[in-house]
């Protein structure tokens, strides 16, 4: 695979990533739902949600903790940042022809990314109360699924590329797009960092007192 072909493949992957985000956003807007919800939202993603009831009225209600972007999302963000940093180091090592160091750091990047993605997914498996001012919870979840798909595609491509390096098929002279695959991994980590700040941290209004 030549450099030009690898670059075109990288650009094609970015187009796929944009479409993964664009489709749910377009569908959501066409449905006429408010993008930003002015009321508190309750997201229930757990099979064993905490249900309480009022014996006077007979009504049941969901007990959901207030969403905190500095909980599991912060842990996932730290892992994702580490994954991106490891990918940057791997590219620098690759350019210095330090192949086996590149392989080791690349594996670290993959493991850190997998850990980060697990913590991110954990947030959606439980119950959360999103205060007013957040994007519609359904749209947030749709964006999370889009990110997951983009993550899995990037993970698979990076893992296959590392295997090709180990097998000797990908070399400094014939990289088979290794640097572009690693660069795509960095793009994915940057996307999550931007998501975390823009979609979750900025709308967060900590309780006073």
C-alpha atoms as a PDB file:
ATOM      1  CA  UNK A   1       0.000   0.000   0.000  1.00  0.00           C
ATOM      2  CA  UNK A   2       1.508   3.290  -1.131  1.00  0.00           C
ATOM      3  CA  UNK A   3       1.476   6.481   0.875  1.00  0.00           C
ATOM      4  CA  UNK A   4      -1.224   8.000  -1.340  1.00  0.00           C
ATOM      5  CA  UNK A   5      -3.474   4.944  -1.012  1.00  0.00           C
ATOM      6  CA  UNK A   6      -3.007   4.940   2.770  1.00  0.00           C
ATOM      7  CA  UNK A   7      -3.894   8.631   2.944  1.00  0.00           C
ATOM      8  CA  UNK A   8      -7.035   8.058   0.881  1.00  0.00           C
ATOM      9  CA  UNK A   9      -7.965   5.199   3.210  1.00  0.00           C
ATOM     10  CA  UNK A  10      -7.452   7.470   6.220  1.00  0.00           C
ATOM     11  CA  UNK A  11      -9.681  10.157   4.679  1.00  0.00           C
ATOM     12  CA  UNK A  12     -12.335   7.551   3.839  1.00  0.00           C
ATOM     13  CA  UNK A  13     -12.378   6.411   7.470  1.00  0.00           C
ATOM     14  CA  UNK A  14     -12.907  10.021   8.580  1.00  0.00           C
ATOM     15  CA  UNK A  15     -15.848  10.335   6.179  1.00  0.00           C
ATOM     16  CA  UNK A  16     -17.350   7.170   7.660  1.00  0.00           C
ATOM     17  CA  UNK A  17     -16.857   8.611  11.144  1.00  0.00           C
ATOM     18  CA  UNK A  18     -18.611  11.856  10.198  1.00  0.00           C
ATOM     19  CA  UNK A  19     -21.546   9.906   8.750  1.00  0.00           C
ATOM     20  CA  UNK A  20     -21.835   7.857  11.952  1.00  0.00           C
ATOM     21  CA  UNK A  21     -22.384  11.118  13.818  1.00  0.00           C
ATOM     22  CA  UNK A  22     -24.400  12.907  11.159  1.00  0.00           C
ATOM     23  CA  UNK A  23     -27.098  10.295  10.600  1.00  0.00           C
ATOM     24  CA  UNK A  24     -28.463  10.167  14.190  1.00  0.00           C
ATOM     25  CA  UNK A  25     -28.284  13.968  14.456  1.00  0.00           C
ATOM     26  CA  UNK A  26     -30.265  14.455  11.241  1.00  0.00           C
ATOM     27  CA  UNK A  27     -32.847  11.839  12.293  1.00  0.00           C
ATOM     28  CA  UNK A  28     -33.190  13.459  15.712  1.00  0.00           C
ATOM     29  CA  UNK A  29     -33.702  16.953  14.293  1.00  0.00           C
ATOM     30  CA  UNK A  30     -36.193  15.683  11.702  1.00  0.00           C
ATOM     31  CA  UNK A  31     -38.217  14.066  14.483  1.00  0.00           C
ATOM     32  CA  UNK A  32     -38.740  17.542  15.962  1.00  0.00           C
ATOM     33  CA  UNK A  33     -37.223  16.755  19.345  1.00  0.00           C
ATOM     34  CA  UNK A  34     -35.495  19.552  21.297  1.00  0.00           C
ATOM     35  CA  UNK A  35     -31.719  19.248  21.008  1.00  0.00           C
ATOM     36  CA  UNK A  36     -31.177  20.810  24.450  1.00  0.00           C
ATOM     37  CA  UNK A  37     -33.671  19.692  27.073  1.00  0.00           C
ATOM     38  CA  UNK A  38     -34.730  22.489  29.487  1.00  0.00           C
ATOM     39  CA  UNK A  39     -35.956  19.939  32.052  1.00  0.00           C
ATOM     40  CA  UNK A  40     -34.262  17.256  34.083  1.00  0.00           C
ATOM     41  CA  UNK A  41     -33.925  13.975  32.225  1.00  0.00           C
ATOM     42  CA  UNK A  42     -33.765  10.478  33.658  1.00  0.00           C
ATOM     43  CA  UNK A  43     -31.730   7.954  31.721  1.00  0.00           C
ATOM     44  CA  UNK A  44     -32.250   4.308  32.678  1.00  0.00           C
ATOM     45  CA  UNK A  45     -29.828   1.878  31.107  1.00  0.00           C
ATOM     46  CA  UNK A  46     -29.707  -0.723  33.854  1.00  0.00           C
ATOM     47  CA  UNK A  47     -31.564  -4.015  33.863  1.00  0.00           C
ATOM     48  CA  UNK A  48     -31.802  -3.759  37.666  1.00  0.00           C
ATOM     49  CA  UNK A  49     -32.745  -0.116  38.122  1.00  0.00           C
ATOM     50  CA  UNK A  50     -33.524   1.090  41.625  1.00  0.00           C
ATOM     51  CA  UNK A  51     -37.290   1.512  41.871  1.00  0.00           C
ATOM     52  CA  UNK A  52     -39.018   3.127  44.843  1.00  0.00           C
ATOM     53  CA  UNK A  53     -42.700   3.687  45.463  1.00  0.00           C
ATOM     54  CA  UNK A  54     -45.013   5.971  47.387  1.00  0.00           C
ATOM     55  CA  UNK A  55     -47.421   3.843  49.412  1.00  0.00           C
ATOM     56  CA  UNK A  56     -49.882   6.723  49.698  1.00  0.00           C
ATOM     57  CA  UNK A  57     -50.291   7.239  45.954  1.00  0.00           C
ATOM     58  CA  UNK A  58     -49.215   3.803  44.773  1.00  0.00           C
ATOM     59  CA  UNK A  59     -46.871   5.413  42.263  1.00  0.00           C
ATOM     60  CA  UNK A  60     -43.432   4.014  41.502  1.00  0.00           C
ATOM     61  CA  UNK A  61     -40.448   6.127  40.537  1.00  0.00           C
ATOM     62  CA  UNK A  62     -36.869   5.565  39.467  1.00  0.00           C
ATOM     63  CA  UNK A  63     -34.034   6.411  41.847  1.00  0.00           C
ATOM     64  CA  UNK A  64     -31.279   7.850  39.664  1.00  0.00           C
ATOM     65  CA  UNK A  65     -28.100   9.557  40.875  1.00  0.00           C
ATOM     66  CA  UNK A  66     -27.311  12.957  39.383  1.00  0.00           C
ATOM     67  CA  UNK A  67     -24.963  12.638  36.432  1.00  0.00           C
ATOM     68  CA  UNK A  68     -21.386  13.574  37.255  1.00  0.00           C
ATOM     69  CA  UNK A  69     -18.960  14.040  34.325  1.00  0.00           C
ATOM     70  CA  UNK A  70     -16.095  13.569  36.773  1.00  0.00           C
ATOM     71  CA  UNK A  71     -17.087  10.015  37.672  1.00  0.00           C
ATOM     72  CA  UNK A  72     -16.610   7.067  35.333  1.00  0.00           C
ATOM     73  CA  UNK A  73     -16.390   9.466  32.370  1.00  0.00           C
ATOM     74  CA  UNK A  74     -13.330  11.147  33.882  1.00  0.00           C
ATOM     75  CA  UNK A  75     -11.663   7.758  34.414  1.00  0.00           C
ATOM     76  CA  UNK A  76     -12.459   6.803  30.829  1.00  0.00           C
ATOM     77  CA  UNK A  77     -11.151  10.157  29.611  1.00  0.00           C
ATOM     78  CA  UNK A  78      -7.825   9.676  31.391  1.00  0.00           C
ATOM     79  CA  UNK A  79      -7.425   6.255  29.806  1.00  0.00           C
ATOM     80  CA  UNK A  80      -8.343   7.638  26.369  1.00  0.00           C
ATOM     81  CA  UNK A  81      -5.837  10.474  26.765  1.00  0.00           C
ATOM     82  CA  UNK A  82      -3.187   7.886  27.630  1.00  0.00           C
ATOM     83  CA  UNK A  83      -4.153   5.866  24.559  1.00  0.00           C
ATOM     84  CA  UNK A  84      -3.710   8.887  22.305  1.00  0.00           C
ATOM     85  CA  UNK A  85      -0.368   9.785  23.887  1.00  0.00           C
ATOM     86  CA  UNK A  86       0.846   6.201  23.464  1.00  0.00           C
ATOM     87  CA  UNK A  87      -0.121   6.283  19.775  1.00  0.00           C
ATOM     88  CA  UNK A  88       1.871   9.505  19.305  1.00  0.00           C
ATOM     89  CA  UNK A  89       4.914   7.880  20.923  1.00  0.00           C
ATOM     90  CA  UNK A  90       4.431   4.779  18.754  1.00  0.00           C
ATOM     91  CA  UNK A  91       4.521   6.897  15.584  1.00  0.00           C
ATOM     92  CA  UNK A  92       7.726   8.615  16.735  1.00  0.00           C
ATOM     93  CA  UNK A  93       9.318   5.232  17.512  1.00  0.00           C
ATOM     94  CA  UNK A  94       8.209   3.898  14.124  1.00  0.00           C
ATOM     95  CA  UNK A  95       9.920   6.786  12.367  1.00  0.00           C
ATOM     96  CA  UNK A  96      13.112   5.930  14.246  1.00  0.00           C
ATOM     97  CA  UNK A  97      12.810   2.316  13.007  1.00  0.00           C
ATOM     98  CA  UNK A  98      12.433   1.040  16.585  1.00  0.00           C
ATOM     99  CA  UNK A  99       9.983  -1.627  15.497  1.00  0.00           C
ATOM    100  CA  UNK A 100       9.580  -3.722  18.622  1.00  0.00           C
ATOM    101  CA  UNK A 101       9.289  -0.684  20.859  1.00  0.00           C
ATOM    102  CA  UNK A 102       6.622   0.530  18.431  1.00  0.00           C
ATOM    103  CA  UNK A 103       4.762  -2.767  18.805  1.00  0.00           C
ATOM    104  CA  UNK A 104       4.897  -2.633  22.598  1.00  0.00           C
ATOM    105  CA  UNK A 105       3.688   0.966  22.816  1.00  0.00           C
ATOM    106  CA  UNK A 106       0.983   0.250  20.236  1.00  0.00           C
ATOM    107  CA  UNK A 107      -0.333  -2.589  22.377  1.00  0.00           C
ATOM    108  CA  UNK A 108      -0.354  -0.196  25.330  1.00  0.00           C
ATOM    109  CA  UNK A 109      -2.353   2.297  23.243  1.00  0.00           C
ATOM    110  CA  UNK A 110      -4.907  -0.385  22.378  1.00  0.00           C
ATOM    111  CA  UNK A 111      -5.245  -1.592  25.983  1.00  0.00           C
ATOM    112  CA  UNK A 112      -5.578   1.942  27.339  1.00  0.00           C
ATOM    113  CA  UNK A 113      -8.230   2.708  24.731  1.00  0.00           C
ATOM    114  CA  UNK A 114     -10.146  -0.474  25.549  1.00  0.00           C
ATOM    115  CA  UNK A 115     -10.114   0.415  29.254  1.00  0.00           C
ATOM    116  CA  UNK A 116     -11.279   3.943  28.489  1.00  0.00           C
ATOM    117  CA  UNK A 117     -14.104   2.740  26.291  1.00  0.00           C
ATOM    118  CA  UNK A 118     -15.227   0.309  29.002  1.00  0.00           C
ATOM    119  CA  UNK A 119     -15.537   3.102  31.569  1.00  0.00           C
ATOM    120  CA  UNK A 120     -17.390   5.266  29.062  1.00  0.00           C
ATOM    121  CA  UNK A 121     -19.853   2.471  28.266  1.00  0.00           C
ATOM    122  CA  UNK A 122     -20.358   1.796  31.997  1.00  0.00           C
ATOM    123  CA  UNK A 123     -21.996   5.203  32.432  1.00  0.00           C
ATOM    124  CA  UNK A 124     -24.797   4.245  30.032  1.00  0.00           C
ATOM    125  CA  UNK A 125     -25.428   0.880  31.700  1.00  0.00           C
ATOM    126  CA  UNK A 126     -26.721   2.513  34.871  1.00  0.00           C
ATOM    127  CA  UNK A 127     -29.259   5.169  35.766  1.00  0.00           C
ATOM    128  CA  UNK A 128     -28.500   8.882  35.569  1.00  0.00           C
ATOM    129  CA  UNK A 129     -30.422  12.087  36.146  1.00  0.00           C
ATOM    130  CA  UNK A 130     -29.258  14.737  33.679  1.00  0.00           C
ATOM    131  CA  UNK A 131     -29.949  18.254  35.035  1.00  0.00           C
ATOM    132  CA  UNK A 132     -31.540  20.894  32.775  1.00  0.00           C
ATOM    133  CA  UNK A 133     -29.239  22.253  30.097  1.00  0.00           C
ATOM    134  CA  UNK A 134     -27.834  18.996  28.758  1.00  0.00           C
ATOM    135  CA  UNK A 135     -28.476  17.727  25.272  1.00  0.00           C
ATOM    136  CA  UNK A 136     -31.458  15.425  24.984  1.00  0.00           C
ATOM    137  CA  UNK A 137     -30.410  12.154  26.655  1.00  0.00           C
ATOM    138  CA  UNK A 138     -31.477  10.120  23.625  1.00  0.00           C
ATOM    139  CA  UNK A 139     -29.228  12.235  21.421  1.00  0.00           C
ATOM    140  CA  UNK A 140     -26.357  11.913  23.896  1.00  0.00           C
ATOM    141  CA  UNK A 141     -26.773   8.151  23.802  1.00  0.00           C
ATOM    142  CA  UNK A 142     -26.919   8.180  19.990  1.00  0.00           C
ATOM    143  CA  UNK A 143     -23.654  10.121  19.929  1.00  0.00           C
ATOM    144  CA  UNK A 144     -22.174   7.624  22.377  1.00  0.00           C
ATOM    145  CA  UNK A 145     -23.127   4.742  20.079  1.00  0.00           C
ATOM    146  CA  UNK A 146     -21.630   6.589  17.111  1.00  0.00           C
ATOM    147  CA  UNK A 147     -18.400   7.039  19.042  1.00  0.00           C
ATOM    148  CA  UNK A 148     -18.410   3.355  19.979  1.00  0.00           C
ATOM    149  CA  UNK A 149     -18.703   2.310  16.336  1.00  0.00           C
ATOM    150  CA  UNK A 150     -15.905   4.677  15.384  1.00  0.00           C
ATOM    151  CA  UNK A 151     -13.835   3.299  18.270  1.00  0.00           C
ATOM    152  CA  UNK A 152     -14.366  -0.337  17.280  1.00  0.00           C
ATOM    153  CA  UNK A 153     -13.428   0.365  13.659  1.00  0.00           C
ATOM    154  CA  UNK A 154     -10.282   2.197  14.746  1.00  0.00           C
ATOM    155  CA  UNK A 155      -9.405  -0.527  17.265  1.00  0.00           C
ATOM    156  CA  UNK A 156      -9.724  -3.282  14.650  1.00  0.00           C
ATOM    157  CA  UNK A 157      -7.637  -1.392  12.085  1.00  0.00           C
ATOM    158  CA  UNK A 158      -4.910  -0.565  14.606  1.00  0.00           C
ATOM    159  CA  UNK A 159      -4.799  -4.132  15.954  1.00  0.00           C
ATOM    160  CA  UNK A 160      -4.539  -5.619  12.449  1.00  0.00           C
ATOM    161  CA  UNK A 161      -1.810  -3.119  11.564  1.00  0.00           C
ATOM    162  CA  UNK A 162       0.220  -4.085  14.638  1.00  0.00           C
ATOM    163  CA  UNK A 163      -0.143  -7.772  13.753  1.00  0.00           C
ATOM    164  CA  UNK A 164       1.150  -6.997  10.248  1.00  0.00           C
ATOM    165  CA  UNK A 165       4.167  -5.280  11.803  1.00  0.00           C
ATOM    166  CA  UNK A 166       4.830  -8.284  14.062  1.00  0.00           C
ATOM    167  CA  UNK A 167       4.523 -10.679  11.117  1.00  0.00           C
ATOM    168  CA  UNK A 168       6.999  -8.611   9.118  1.00  0.00           C
ATOM    169  CA  UNK A 169       4.533  -7.695   6.379  1.00  0.00           C
ATOM    170  CA  UNK A 170       4.565  -4.032   7.390  1.00  0.00           C
ATOM    171  CA  UNK A 171       8.018  -2.483   7.490  1.00  0.00           C
ATOM    172  CA  UNK A 172       9.513   1.013   7.498  1.00  0.00           C
ATOM    173  CA  UNK A 173      10.025   0.702   3.742  1.00  0.00           C
ATOM    174  CA  UNK A 174       6.565  -0.782   3.188  1.00  0.00           C
ATOM    175  CA  UNK A 175       4.463   0.518   6.094  1.00  0.00           C
ATOM    176  CA  UNK A 176       1.061  -0.603   4.741  1.00  0.00           C
ATOM    177  CA  UNK A 177      -0.509   2.506   6.251  1.00  0.00           C
ATOM    178  CA  UNK A 178       0.647   1.910   9.830  1.00  0.00           C
ATOM    179  CA  UNK A 179       1.194   5.611  10.588  1.00  0.00           C
ATOM    180  CA  UNK A 180      -2.222   6.582   9.233  1.00  0.00           C
ATOM    181  CA  UNK A 181      -3.925   3.878  11.296  1.00  0.00           C
ATOM    182  CA  UNK A 182      -2.120   5.096  14.409  1.00  0.00           C
ATOM    183  CA  UNK A 183      -3.055   8.670  13.481  1.00  0.00           C
ATOM    184  CA  UNK A 184      -6.697   7.603  13.221  1.00  0.00           C
ATOM    185  CA  UNK A 185      -6.411   6.224  16.765  1.00  0.00           C
ATOM    186  CA  UNK A 186      -5.206   9.646  17.901  1.00  0.00           C
ATOM    187  CA  UNK A 187      -8.156  11.267  16.120  1.00  0.00           C
ATOM    188  CA  UNK A 188     -10.546   8.967  17.991  1.00  0.00           C
ATOM    189  CA  UNK A 189      -9.048   9.888  21.360  1.00  0.00           C
ATOM    190  CA  UNK A 190      -9.228  13.606  20.522  1.00  0.00           C
ATOM    191  CA  UNK A 191     -12.893  13.188  19.527  1.00  0.00           C
ATOM    192  CA  UNK A 192     -13.684  11.704  22.919  1.00  0.00           C
ATOM    193  CA  UNK A 193     -11.799  14.459  24.749  1.00  0.00           C
ATOM    194  CA  UNK A 194     -13.825  17.036  22.797  1.00  0.00           C
ATOM    195  CA  UNK A 195     -17.059  15.149  23.535  1.00  0.00           C
ATOM    196  CA  UNK A 196     -16.318  15.013  27.228  1.00  0.00           C
ATOM    197  CA  UNK A 197     -15.563  18.735  27.485  1.00  0.00           C
ATOM    198  CA  UNK A 198     -18.284  20.090  25.175  1.00  0.00           C
ATOM    199  CA  UNK A 199     -21.166  17.684  25.827  1.00  0.00           C
ATOM    200  CA  UNK A 200     -20.655  16.850  29.489  1.00  0.00           C
ATOM    201  CA  UNK A 201     -18.301  19.203  31.361  1.00  0.00           C
ATOM    202  CA  UNK A 202     -19.430  22.583  30.009  1.00  0.00           C
ATOM    203  CA  UNK A 203     -23.167  21.976  30.686  1.00  0.00           C
ATOM    204  CA  UNK A 204     -22.354  20.667  34.179  1.00  0.00           C
ATOM    205  CA  UNK A 205     -23.477  22.970  36.974  1.00  0.00           C
ATOM    206  CA  UNK A 206     -22.174  21.654  40.313  1.00  0.00           C
ATOM    207  CA  UNK A 207     -24.482  22.004  43.278  1.00  0.00           C
ATOM    208  CA  UNK A 208     -23.582  24.867  45.586  1.00  0.00           C
ATOM    209  CA  UNK A 209     -23.346  24.398  49.274  1.00  0.00           C
END
